[in-house]
Amino acid sequence: MVGVGSSKNSNPEEAVSEAYYQANDTLNGNQPSFLMLLASPTTYNQQGLLNSLKEKSGEAVIIGCSTSGEITSNGPMDNSIALLAVYSDQMRFVPGLGQNIKDDPRKSGVELAENLKSKETDSNPKAAIILPDGLAGNGADIVRGILDVFGSDFVLAGGSAGDDFEFKQTFQYLDNQVLSGSVVGVGMYGEFNFGVGVRHGWIPIGTSRKVTKSESNVVYELDGKPAIQIYEDNFGKDKILVSKDEPLAKLAITYPLGIVLTDQNEYLIRDPITVDEQGAITCAAEVPEGSDVFIMIGSREEAIEAAGDAAHKALTQLGGKKPKVAILFNCIARKKLLMDKKKDEIDKIREIIGGDVPLIGFYTYGEQAPLGGEVITCSFHNETDVLFVLAE
């Protein structure tokens, strides 16, 4: 049994009470086994939210994070909270934490994965949801650390915490702890089916550039020239206004970089975050040296169609079963692109998965999911729709 609640009440305790009542209304009097809280960090005292939720939830596993906008079946919201409540006698939820992403993101992923292992049987979960700090370090290395423990075919889905588009500090929730610089997650065990749909809909413009110098998520040179020149050549130097108070992410978020994937008809999107005085661009995850990249552009129509494609892909993996819940990890760039059309994207997903299926999600600073939506190996994405569906 699954329920979703939300509230725009600015008082933390009252907001949690309202959302908790809504979410638990469909659990037929059962106490939730698992709760996921998504909340605006600029509206709410984060610890106040967690304390209030913990008081109500008993022994339920709690994870969550701060966002740059919340999503429910009613559509996108801002300055609110959204709460997922799950009760199941067929599933078991094991929470976990990986800390100090800034020091060693891959080690943080390993730490999280080890925590998600079943304490009774030392077994791996069937799937996992993860919520990392997207501002703390190379997001792709967090995923690699998890796969180091669980294997390259392990399936996870998630989104990086946001901070209402301020790009200063994000928060992760575990039980009644408010953390930062960490990755939290839940491993799922038992009898259930799941599907993951992944699509972005962005298309390349201009000509490709070779990454001639990069290290992890910092791109120093493209075609032997300062990386920022790719934007200056396409839009003019006067349009690339950069200062310490105005991250490049706010300026280039509608024109991300797309890494050419040689073995797939797809591009792996990378958000530019900052640029230094030498023209090196720091991205949300690594851009490998020797790869080819384009500037990408999205249209509202393509973005909405891509969301529909993601929903179709997720459903096909359920083998005809009806989803009990859909969890959407949706990049903040898509919100900025769609603007007054962003509800159309949510409506498109609901049209495909079923209007009666509970939906919850948030706008992220990066997404984690299988490449191309196929269960081959997981990676870190930007500007992408990741839809995770669960069924019995």
Protein backbone atom coordinates (compact mmCIF):
# COMPACT_ATOMS: atom_id res chain seq x y z
CA MET A 1 0.00 0.00 0.00
CA VAL A 2 1.28 3.42 -0.98
CA GLY A 3 0.28 6.98 -0.21
CA VAL A 4 1.59 10.42 -1.17
CA GLY A 5 1.02 13.62 0.77
CA SER A 6 2.10 17.23 0.42
CA SER A 7 1.81 20.59 2.10
CA LYS A 8 2.63 24.23 1.43
CA ASN A 9 2.12 25.21 5.06
CA SER A 10 5.23 27.19 6.03
CA ASN A 11 5.25 25.84 9.59
CA PRO A 12 7.39 22.65 9.65
CA GLU A 13 5.32 20.77 12.22
CA GLU A 14 2.01 21.64 10.58
CA ALA A 15 3.35 20.84 7.10
CA VAL A 16 4.51 17.39 8.23
CA SER A 17 1.20 16.73 9.98
CA GLU A 18 -0.77 17.61 6.86
CA ALA A 19 1.41 15.59 4.48
CA TYR A 20 1.63 12.61 6.84
CA TYR A 21 -2.15 12.48 7.24
CA GLN A 22 -2.65 12.50 3.47
CA ALA A 23 0.03 9.89 2.80
CA ASN A 24 -1.23 7.50 5.47
CA ASP A 25 -4.87 7.82 4.50
CA THR A 26 -4.52 4.97 1.97
CA LEU A 27 -2.56 2.59 4.22
CA ASN A 28 -5.72 1.18 5.86
CA GLY A 29 -4.51 1.90 9.37
CA ASN A 30 -1.11 0.27 8.89
CA GLN A 31 2.02 2.03 10.08
CA PRO A 32 4.33 2.85 7.14
CA SER A 33 7.39 0.69 6.58
CA PHE A 34 9.18 3.36 4.55
CA LEU A 35 8.94 7.14 4.25
CA MET A 36 10.67 9.47 1.81
CA LEU A 37 10.53 13.19 2.57
CA LEU A 38 11.29 15.84 -0.07
CA ALA A 39 11.39 19.46 1.04
CA SER A 40 12.30 23.02 0.14
CA PRO A 41 15.41 24.07 2.10
CA THR A 42 14.73 27.80 1.81
CA THR A 43 11.21 27.50 3.25
CA TYR A 44 11.67 25.04 6.10
CA ASN A 45 13.88 24.40 9.07
CA GLN A 46 15.19 21.03 7.98
CA GLN A 47 15.72 19.60 11.47
CA GLY A 48 12.24 20.73 12.47
CA LEU A 49 10.75 18.71 9.61
CA LEU A 50 12.70 15.56 10.51
CA ASN A 51 11.96 15.80 14.22
CA SER A 52 8.25 16.13 13.54
CA LEU A 53 8.21 13.24 11.06
CA LYS A 54 10.18 10.98 13.39
CA GLU A 55 7.71 11.61 16.21
CA LYS A 56 4.84 10.39 14.03
CA SER A 57 6.46 7.53 12.13
CA GLY A 58 7.50 5.05 14.80
CA GLU A 59 9.92 2.46 13.41
CA ALA A 60 9.54 3.44 9.73
CA VAL A 61 12.71 3.78 7.65
CA ILE A 62 13.11 7.47 6.72
CA ILE A 63 15.24 8.93 3.95
CA GLY A 64 14.90 12.11 1.90
CA CYS A 65 16.56 15.31 0.79
CA SER A 66 16.19 18.99 0.08
CA THR A 67 15.01 19.90 -3.40
CA SER A 68 14.67 22.60 -6.03
CA GLY A 69 10.96 21.93 -6.33
CA GLU A 70 8.67 19.08 -5.38
CA ILE A 71 6.40 16.91 -7.56
CA THR A 72 3.22 14.97 -6.79
CA SER A 73 0.32 13.62 -8.83
CA ASN A 74 -1.14 17.13 -8.73
CA GLY A 75 1.89 18.51 -10.55
CA PRO A 76 4.98 20.56 -9.72
CA MET A 77 5.21 22.64 -6.55
CA ASP A 78 7.62 25.07 -4.92
CA ASN A 79 8.24 25.98 -1.29
CA SER A 80 6.52 22.84 -0.09
CA ILE A 81 7.08 19.31 1.16
CA ALA A 82 6.13 16.00 -0.45
CA LEU A 83 5.98 12.72 1.45
CA LEU A 84 5.87 9.12 0.23
CA ALA A 85 4.57 6.46 2.62
CA VAL A 86 4.83 2.73 1.85
CA TYR A 87 3.50 -0.22 3.81
CA SER A 88 4.34 -3.69 2.55
CA ASP A 89 4.50 -7.17 4.06
CA GLN A 90 6.39 -8.37 0.95
CA MET A 91 9.19 -5.77 0.91
CA ARG A 92 11.91 -4.84 3.36
CA PHE A 93 13.73 -1.50 3.33
CA VAL A 94 17.32 -1.16 4.56
CA PRO A 95 18.61 2.42 4.92
CA GLY A 96 22.21 3.49 4.41
CA LEU A 97 24.63 6.41 4.46
CA GLY A 98 27.87 7.32 2.72
CA GLN A 99 29.69 10.36 4.08
CA ASN A 100 32.42 12.80 3.03
CA ILE A 101 31.72 12.90 -0.72
CA LYS A 102 34.08 15.85 -1.08
CA ASP A 103 37.04 13.83 0.20
CA ASP A 104 36.40 10.64 -1.80
CA PRO A 105 33.08 10.23 -3.66
CA ARG A 106 33.81 6.66 -4.73
CA LYS A 107 34.53 5.66 -1.14
CA SER A 108 31.24 7.31 -0.14
CA GLY A 109 29.45 5.09 -2.65
CA VAL A 110 31.18 2.00 -1.29
CA GLU A 111 30.24 2.99 2.27
CA LEU A 112 26.59 3.46 1.28
CA ALA A 113 26.46 0.10 -0.51
CA GLU A 114 27.95 -1.74 2.45
CA ASN A 115 25.29 -0.15 4.68
CA LEU A 116 22.53 -1.25 2.30
CA LYS A 117 23.48 -4.90 2.57
CA SER A 118 21.09 -7.03 4.61
CA LYS A 119 22.45 -7.33 8.14
CA GLU A 120 20.86 -10.76 8.60
CA THR A 121 22.03 -12.48 5.41
CA ASP A 122 24.79 -10.14 4.10
CA SER A 123 22.90 -10.21 0.78
CA ASN A 124 22.53 -7.46 -1.81
CA PRO A 125 19.26 -5.62 -2.31
CA LYS A 126 17.19 -6.21 -5.42
CA ALA A 127 17.36 -2.48 -6.24
CA ALA A 128 18.13 0.79 -4.49
CA ILE A 129 17.14 4.43 -4.39
CA ILE A 130 19.93 6.91 -3.66
CA LEU A 131 19.91 10.64 -2.85
CA PRO A 132 23.40 12.21 -2.99
CA ASP A 133 24.68 15.72 -2.45
CA GLY A 134 25.21 16.88 -6.04
CA LEU A 135 27.36 19.86 -5.06
CA ALA A 136 29.93 17.94 -3.03
CA GLY A 137 31.90 16.01 -5.66
CA ASN A 138 31.96 13.80 -8.75
CA GLY A 139 28.52 12.17 -8.85
CA ALA A 140 29.62 9.46 -11.26
CA ASP A 141 32.19 8.20 -8.74
CA ILE A 142 29.47 7.75 -6.11
CA VAL A 143 27.65 5.45 -8.53
CA ARG A 144 30.89 3.60 -9.33
CA GLY A 145 31.50 3.00 -5.63
CA ILE A 146 28.07 1.41 -5.26
CA LEU A 147 28.66 -0.80 -8.30
CA ASP A 148 32.08 -1.79 -6.91
CA VAL A 149 30.16 -3.53 -4.11
CA PHE A 150 27.01 -4.74 -5.87
CA GLY A 151 28.33 -5.43 -9.37
CA SER A 152 27.99 -3.61 -12.68
CA ASP A 153 24.53 -5.02 -13.41
CA PHE A 154 23.00 -3.70 -10.18
CA VAL A 155 20.09 -1.31 -10.74
CA LEU A 156 19.73 1.90 -8.82
CA ALA A 157 17.76 5.07 -9.38
CA GLY A 158 17.99 8.42 -7.68
CA GLY A 159 18.43 12.15 -7.78
CA SER A 160 20.88 14.62 -6.31
CA ALA A 161 19.53 16.93 -3.63
CA GLY A 162 18.79 20.55 -4.53
CA ASP A 163 18.65 23.89 -2.76
CA ASP A 164 16.00 25.87 -4.64
CA PHE A 165 18.43 26.79 -7.43
CA GLU A 166 20.89 28.59 -5.15
CA PHE A 167 23.78 26.11 -5.68
CA LYS A 168 25.14 26.72 -2.17
CA GLN A 169 24.32 23.77 0.11
CA THR A 170 22.00 20.78 -0.09
CA PHE A 171 20.76 18.44 2.64
CA GLN A 172 20.18 14.72 2.92
CA TYR A 173 17.90 13.03 5.48
CA LEU A 174 18.37 9.72 7.25
CA ASP A 175 16.07 8.84 10.13
CA ASN A 176 16.05 12.13 12.09
CA GLN A 177 19.50 13.29 10.93
CA VAL A 178 19.99 16.27 8.62
CA LEU A 179 23.25 15.78 6.69
CA SER A 180 25.24 17.55 3.99
CA GLY A 181 28.05 16.31 1.76
CA SER A 182 26.63 12.80 2.00
CA VAL A 183 24.63 10.23 0.07
CA VAL A 184 21.67 8.47 1.66
CA GLY A 185 19.75 5.57 0.22
CA VAL A 186 17.50 2.60 0.77
CA GLY A 187 18.02 -0.96 -0.39
CA MET A 188 14.85 -2.86 -1.31
CA TYR A 189 14.46 -6.56 -0.58
CA GLY A 190 11.63 -9.05 -1.07
CA GLU A 191 9.01 -9.90 -3.65
CA PHE A 192 8.36 -6.99 -6.00
CA ASN A 193 8.83 -5.84 -9.57
CA PHE A 194 10.37 -2.58 -10.72
CA GLY A 195 11.17 -0.63 -13.85
CA VAL A 196 13.38 2.35 -14.68
CA GLY A 197 12.81 4.71 -17.60
CA VAL A 198 15.52 7.20 -18.60
CA ARG A 199 15.30 9.87 -21.32
CA HIS A 200 16.35 13.50 -21.77
CA GLY A 201 15.32 14.61 -25.28
CA TRP A 202 18.17 17.12 -25.73
CA ILE A 203 19.76 17.39 -29.18
CA PRO A 204 23.24 18.56 -30.29
CA ILE A 205 23.93 21.88 -31.96
CA GLY A 206 27.01 23.10 -33.79
CA THR A 207 30.06 20.90 -34.20
CA SER A 208 31.61 18.48 -31.75
CA ARG A 209 34.76 19.30 -29.78
CA LYS A 210 37.40 16.89 -28.54
CA VAL A 211 38.15 16.91 -24.82
CA THR A 212 41.91 17.40 -25.01
CA LYS A 213 42.48 18.00 -21.29
CA SER A 214 40.27 17.04 -18.37
CA GLU A 215 40.56 15.63 -14.89
CA SER A 216 37.54 14.01 -13.32
CA ASN A 217 34.71 16.58 -13.56
CA VAL A 218 36.92 19.52 -14.58
CA VAL A 219 37.26 20.17 -18.32
CA TYR A 220 40.35 22.28 -19.01
CA GLU A 221 40.56 22.22 -22.80
CA LEU A 222 38.41 21.41 -25.81
CA ASP A 223 40.31 21.12 -29.11
CA GLY A 224 43.36 22.47 -27.26
CA LYS A 225 41.59 25.72 -26.26
CA PRO A 226 40.10 26.83 -22.93
CA ALA A 227 36.88 24.91 -22.41
CA ILE A 228 34.73 28.01 -21.96
CA GLN A 229 35.46 28.96 -25.56
CA ILE A 230 32.85 26.47 -26.78
CA TYR A 231 30.22 28.74 -25.23
CA GLU A 232 31.91 31.97 -26.31
CA ASP A 233 32.09 30.75 -29.93
CA ASN A 234 28.42 29.79 -29.97
CA PHE A 235 26.89 32.65 -28.01
CA GLY A 236 29.48 35.43 -27.90
CA LYS A 237 31.70 36.51 -25.02
CA ASP A 238 29.23 39.16 -23.92
CA LYS A 239 26.64 36.44 -23.21
CA ILE A 240 28.96 34.38 -20.99
CA LEU A 241 28.88 36.56 -17.90
CA VAL A 242 30.61 34.78 -15.07
CA SER A 243 31.28 35.89 -11.53
CA LYS A 244 31.67 34.25 -8.14
CA ASP A 245 28.10 35.24 -7.36
CA GLU A 246 26.60 33.86 -10.58
CA PRO A 247 27.44 30.20 -11.19
CA LEU A 248 27.82 29.15 -14.81
CA ALA A 249 25.09 26.60 -14.09
CA LYS A 250 22.50 29.38 -14.06
CA LEU A 251 23.69 30.69 -17.42
CA ALA A 252 24.39 27.49 -19.32
CA ILE A 253 21.76 25.21 -17.81
CA THR A 254 19.65 25.27 -20.96
CA TYR A 255 22.76 24.52 -23.05
CA PRO A 256 24.53 21.62 -21.32
CA LEU A 257 27.36 19.55 -22.70
CA GLY A 258 26.54 16.20 -24.28
CA ILE A 259 29.13 13.42 -24.29
CA VAL A 260 28.93 11.23 -27.39
CA LEU A 261 28.37 7.60 -26.37
CA THR A 262 29.98 5.54 -29.10
CA ASP A 263 28.08 2.33 -28.30
CA GLN A 264 24.62 3.91 -28.03
CA ASN A 265 22.46 6.28 -30.01
CA GLU A 266 22.40 8.68 -27.07
CA TYR A 267 24.28 11.50 -25.37
CA LEU A 268 25.24 11.59 -21.70
CA ILE A 269 24.40 15.07 -20.44
CA ARG A 270 26.74 17.07 -18.23
CA ASP A 271 25.77 20.32 -16.50
CA PRO A 272 28.42 23.05 -16.38
CA ILE A 273 28.55 24.39 -12.81
CA THR A 274 31.39 26.94 -12.64
CA VAL A 275 34.22 28.34 -14.77
CA ASP A 276 37.55 29.60 -13.47
CA GLU A 277 39.70 32.50 -14.69
CA GLN A 278 41.60 30.22 -17.08
CA GLY A 279 38.39 29.04 -18.73
CA ALA A 280 38.21 25.57 -17.17
CA ILE A 281 34.65 24.32 -16.65
CA THR A 282 33.68 22.26 -13.62
CA CYS A 283 30.77 19.94 -14.39
CA ALA A 284 28.43 17.94 -12.17
CA ALA A 285 30.24 14.71 -13.08
CA GLU A 286 33.31 13.66 -15.02
CA VAL A 287 33.90 14.35 -18.70
CA PRO A 288 36.51 11.83 -19.91
CA GLU A 289 39.59 13.07 -21.71
CA GLY A 290 39.47 11.99 -25.36
CA SER A 291 35.68 12.02 -25.57
CA ASP A 292 33.72 14.15 -28.03
CA VAL A 293 31.21 16.68 -26.75
CA PHE A 294 28.53 18.93 -28.19
CA ILE A 295 26.58 21.83 -26.80
CA MET A 296 23.04 20.50 -26.45
CA ILE A 297 19.71 22.26 -26.72
CA GLY A 298 16.24 21.22 -25.69
CA SER A 299 12.77 22.19 -26.79
CA ARG A 300 9.65 22.00 -24.69
CA GLU A 301 8.07 19.56 -27.09
CA GLU A 302 11.11 17.25 -27.12
CA ALA A 303 11.35 17.36 -23.32
CA ILE A 304 7.71 16.38 -22.84
CA GLU A 305 7.95 13.59 -25.40
CA ALA A 306 11.10 12.31 -23.69
CA ALA A 307 9.22 12.15 -20.39
CA GLY A 308 6.59 10.02 -22.11
CA ASP A 309 9.29 7.74 -23.52
CA ALA A 310 10.76 7.30 -20.03
CA ALA A 311 7.36 6.31 -18.68
CA HIS A 312 6.84 3.78 -21.48
CA LYS A 313 10.27 2.24 -20.86
CA ALA A 314 9.63 1.93 -17.14
CA LEU A 315 6.27 0.25 -17.66
CA THR A 316 7.59 -2.32 -20.14
CA GLN A 317 9.95 -3.63 -17.45
CA LEU A 318 7.01 -4.49 -15.14
CA GLY A 319 5.89 -7.35 -17.38
CA GLY A 320 2.30 -6.17 -17.62
CA LYS A 321 1.86 -5.49 -13.91
CA LYS A 322 0.29 -2.22 -12.81
CA PRO A 323 2.62 0.09 -10.87
CA LYS A 324 1.77 0.83 -7.26
CA VAL A 325 3.87 4.02 -7.23
CA ALA A 326 6.05 6.09 -9.55
CA ILE A 327 9.02 8.11 -8.30
CA LEU A 328 10.31 10.84 -10.60
CA PHE A 329 13.82 12.29 -10.45
CA ASN A 330 13.61 15.31 -12.75
CA CYS A 331 16.48 17.70 -13.44
CA ILE A 332 16.15 21.36 -12.46
CA ALA A 333 17.18 22.26 -16.03
CA ARG A 334 13.97 20.71 -17.34
CA LYS A 335 11.97 22.85 -14.94
CA LYS A 336 13.74 25.96 -16.23
CA LEU A 337 13.23 24.89 -19.85
CA LEU A 338 9.53 24.04 -19.52
CA MET A 339 8.59 26.96 -17.22
CA ASP A 340 4.79 27.35 -17.47
CA LYS A 341 4.60 24.02 -19.34
CA LYS A 342 6.22 21.94 -16.61
CA LYS A 343 2.88 20.49 -15.48
CA ASP A 344 2.41 19.19 -19.03
CA GLU A 345 5.43 16.95 -18.49
CA ILE A 346 3.92 15.49 -15.32
CA ASP A 347 0.56 15.05 -17.02
CA LYS A 348 2.25 13.20 -19.89
CA ILE A 349 3.82 10.72 -17.47
CA ARG A 350 0.52 10.20 -15.63
CA GLU A 351 -1.30 9.66 -18.91
CA ILE A 352 0.99 6.70 -19.60
CA ILE A 353 1.40 5.13 -16.15
CA GLY A 354 -2.24 5.69 -15.18
CA GLY A 355 -3.86 8.67 -13.54
CA ASP A 356 -4.65 6.69 -10.39
CA VAL A 357 -1.01 5.68 -9.76
CA PRO A 358 0.51 7.74 -6.92
CA LEU A 359 3.38 9.90 -8.17
CA ILE A 360 6.07 11.67 -6.18
CA GLY A 361 9.36 13.28 -7.15
CA PHE A 362 11.54 16.35 -7.12
CA TYR A 363 13.72 18.60 -9.24
CA THR A 364 17.32 17.49 -8.88
CA TYR A 365 20.94 18.55 -9.41
CA GLY A 366 21.67 15.30 -11.26
CA GLU A 367 20.15 11.87 -11.74
CA GLN A 368 21.38 8.32 -11.24
CA ALA A 369 20.04 5.51 -13.40
CA PRO A 370 20.98 2.94 -16.06
CA LEU A 371 22.44 4.34 -19.27
CA GLY A 372 19.76 4.81 -21.89
CA GLY A 373 17.16 3.30 -19.59
CA GLU A 374 18.39 -0.21 -20.31
CA VAL A 375 19.53 -2.37 -17.43
CA ILE A 376 23.16 -2.61 -18.50
CA THR A 377 25.08 -0.45 -16.07
CA CYS A 378 24.16 2.62 -14.09
CA SER A 379 25.64 6.07 -14.46
CA PHE A 380 25.23 9.71 -13.45
CA HIS A 381 23.03 11.88 -15.64
CA ASN A 382 22.10 15.55 -15.95
CA GLU A 383 19.01 17.22 -17.42
CA THR A 384 17.27 13.85 -17.62
CA ASP A 385 13.96 12.29 -16.56
CA VAL A 386 14.43 9.17 -14.45
CA LEU A 387 11.19 7.38 -13.60
CA PHE A 388 11.29 4.50 -11.10
CA VAL A 389 8.13 2.39 -10.83
CA LEU A 390 7.31 -0.31 -8.30
CA ALA A 391 4.77 -3.14 -8.59
CA GLU A 392 3.93 -6.24 -6.60
